[in-house]
Structures are given as structure tokens and as C-alpha cells.
Amino acid sequence: MLLVVTKSFTVSIIKLMANYKVGQNGINNFKSTICSNLWSNRWR
């Protein structure tokens, strides 16, 4: 059961990445954006 859920979840993630043409660069930009948002929110 869990394996099936994980598999479909992974497939949907891959589809999303393919749709938006997100490579490793995009993921890193996404992470850094979230991190900077968290930091700015913390110090605001």
C-alpha cells in the first residue's frame, strides 16, 4: 500500500518537473527562495 502511494507520488513529482522543466537549478532556486523567505519572516 505504502509502496504504491510512494510510487505514484514520485511519478507525479516527475511529471510536475517535466511540465515546468524544472532541473536541479530550479530546485535549488526554489529551496533558496523558501529559506530566504523563512529568514526574512523570522527577523521581520
N, C-alpha and C. Protein backbone atom coordinates (compact mmCIF):
# COMPACT_ATOMS: atom_id res chain seq x y z
N MET A 1 0.85 -1.20 0.00
CA MET A 1 0.00 0.00 0.00
C MET A 1 0.88 1.25 0.00
N LEU A 2 1.78 1.30 0.98
CA LEU A 2 2.66 2.47 1.10
C LEU A 2 3.54 2.61 -0.13
N LEU A 3 4.01 1.46 -0.64
CA LEU A 3 4.89 1.47 -1.81
C LEU A 3 4.17 2.05 -3.02
N VAL A 4 2.90 1.68 -3.18
CA VAL A 4 2.12 2.19 -4.31
C VAL A 4 1.95 3.69 -4.20
N VAL A 5 1.63 4.17 -2.99
CA VAL A 5 1.45 5.60 -2.78
C VAL A 5 2.75 6.35 -3.09
N THR A 6 3.85 5.81 -2.60
CA THR A 6 5.14 6.45 -2.83
C THR A 6 5.46 6.49 -4.32
N LYS A 7 5.15 5.39 -5.00
CA LYS A 7 5.44 5.30 -6.43
C LYS A 7 4.64 6.34 -7.21
N SER A 8 3.34 6.43 -6.93
CA SER A 8 2.50 7.38 -7.65
C SER A 8 2.91 8.81 -7.31
N PHE A 9 3.31 9.03 -6.05
CA PHE A 9 3.76 10.35 -5.63
C PHE A 9 5.02 10.74 -6.40
N THR A 10 5.95 9.80 -6.51
CA THR A 10 7.19 10.05 -7.25
C THR A 10 6.88 10.35 -8.71
N VAL A 11 5.97 9.58 -9.30
CA VAL A 11 5.60 9.78 -10.70
C VAL A 11 5.00 11.17 -10.91
N SER A 12 4.13 11.59 -9.99
CA SER A 12 3.50 12.90 -10.12
C SER A 12 4.55 14.01 -9.98
N ILE A 13 5.52 13.81 -9.07
CA ILE A 13 6.60 14.79 -8.92
C ILE A 13 7.40 14.89 -10.22
N ILE A 14 7.72 13.74 -10.81
CA ILE A 14 8.48 13.72 -12.06
C ILE A 14 7.69 14.41 -13.17
N LYS A 15 6.38 14.16 -13.22
CA LYS A 15 5.54 14.81 -14.22
C LYS A 15 5.55 16.32 -14.03
N LEU A 16 5.43 16.75 -12.78
CA LEU A 16 5.47 18.19 -12.49
C LEU A 16 6.79 18.78 -12.97
N MET A 17 7.88 18.12 -12.64
CA MET A 17 9.20 18.61 -13.04
C MET A 17 9.31 18.68 -14.55
N ALA A 18 8.76 17.68 -15.23
CA ALA A 18 8.81 17.66 -16.69
C ALA A 18 7.94 18.80 -17.26
N ASN A 19 6.78 19.01 -16.65
CA ASN A 19 5.88 20.05 -17.14
C ASN A 19 6.51 21.42 -17.02
N TYR A 20 7.11 21.70 -15.89
CA TYR A 20 7.68 23.03 -15.66
C TYR A 20 9.16 23.10 -16.02
N LYS A 21 9.68 21.97 -16.60
CA LYS A 21 11.09 21.93 -17.00
C LYS A 21 12.00 22.36 -15.86
N VAL A 22 11.69 21.83 -14.68
CA VAL A 22 12.49 22.16 -13.50
C VAL A 22 13.64 21.18 -13.38
N GLY A 23 14.85 21.70 -13.45
CA GLY A 23 16.03 20.85 -13.27
C GLY A 23 16.57 21.04 -11.87
N GLN A 24 17.79 20.60 -11.65
CA GLN A 24 18.42 20.77 -10.33
C GLN A 24 18.54 22.24 -9.99
N ASN A 25 18.78 23.08 -11.03
CA ASN A 25 18.90 24.51 -10.81
C ASN A 25 17.61 25.08 -10.25
N GLY A 26 16.49 24.69 -10.84
CA GLY A 26 15.20 25.19 -10.39
C GLY A 26 14.90 24.78 -8.95
N ILE A 27 15.27 23.53 -8.61
CA ILE A 27 15.04 23.05 -7.25
C ILE A 27 15.87 23.86 -6.26
N ASN A 28 17.12 24.12 -6.62
CA ASN A 28 17.98 24.89 -5.73
C ASN A 28 17.44 26.31 -5.56
N ASN A 29 16.98 26.91 -6.66
CA ASN A 29 16.40 28.26 -6.57
C ASN A 29 15.17 28.24 -5.68
N PHE A 30 14.34 27.19 -5.83
CA PHE A 30 13.14 27.04 -5.03
C PHE A 30 13.49 26.95 -3.55
N LYS A 31 14.48 26.12 -3.22
CA LYS A 31 14.90 25.95 -1.83
C LYS A 31 15.44 27.26 -1.27
N SER A 32 16.31 27.92 -2.02
CA SER A 32 16.91 29.16 -1.52
C SER A 32 15.84 30.24 -1.34
N THR A 33 14.83 30.24 -2.22
CA THR A 33 13.74 31.21 -2.09
C THR A 33 12.98 30.96 -0.79
N ILE A 34 12.66 29.70 -0.53
CA ILE A 34 11.94 29.35 0.70
C ILE A 34 12.78 29.72 1.92
N CYS A 35 14.08 29.38 1.88
CA CYS A 35 14.96 29.67 3.02
C CYS A 35 15.04 31.16 3.27
N SER A 36 15.22 31.95 2.22
CA SER A 36 15.32 33.40 2.40
C SER A 36 14.01 33.97 2.92
N ASN A 37 12.88 33.41 2.44
CA ASN A 37 11.58 33.87 2.93
C ASN A 37 11.43 33.57 4.41
N LEU A 38 11.86 32.37 4.82
CA LEU A 38 11.76 31.99 6.23
C LEU A 38 12.62 32.92 7.08
N TRP A 39 13.85 33.19 6.61
CA TRP A 39 14.75 34.04 7.39
C TRP A 39 14.19 35.45 7.50
N SER A 40 13.70 36.01 6.38
CA SER A 40 13.20 37.38 6.41
C SER A 40 11.95 37.46 7.29
N ASN A 41 11.13 36.40 7.27
CA ASN A 41 9.95 36.38 8.13
C ASN A 41 10.35 36.32 9.60
N ARG A 42 11.42 35.58 9.87
CA ARG A 42 11.86 35.41 11.25
C ARG A 42 12.35 36.73 11.82
N TRP A 43 13.07 37.51 11.00
CA TRP A 43 13.67 38.74 11.52
C TRP A 43 12.76 39.95 11.36
N ARG A 44 11.63 39.77 10.69
CA ARG A 44 10.74 40.91 10.47
C ARG A 44 10.07 41.34 11.77
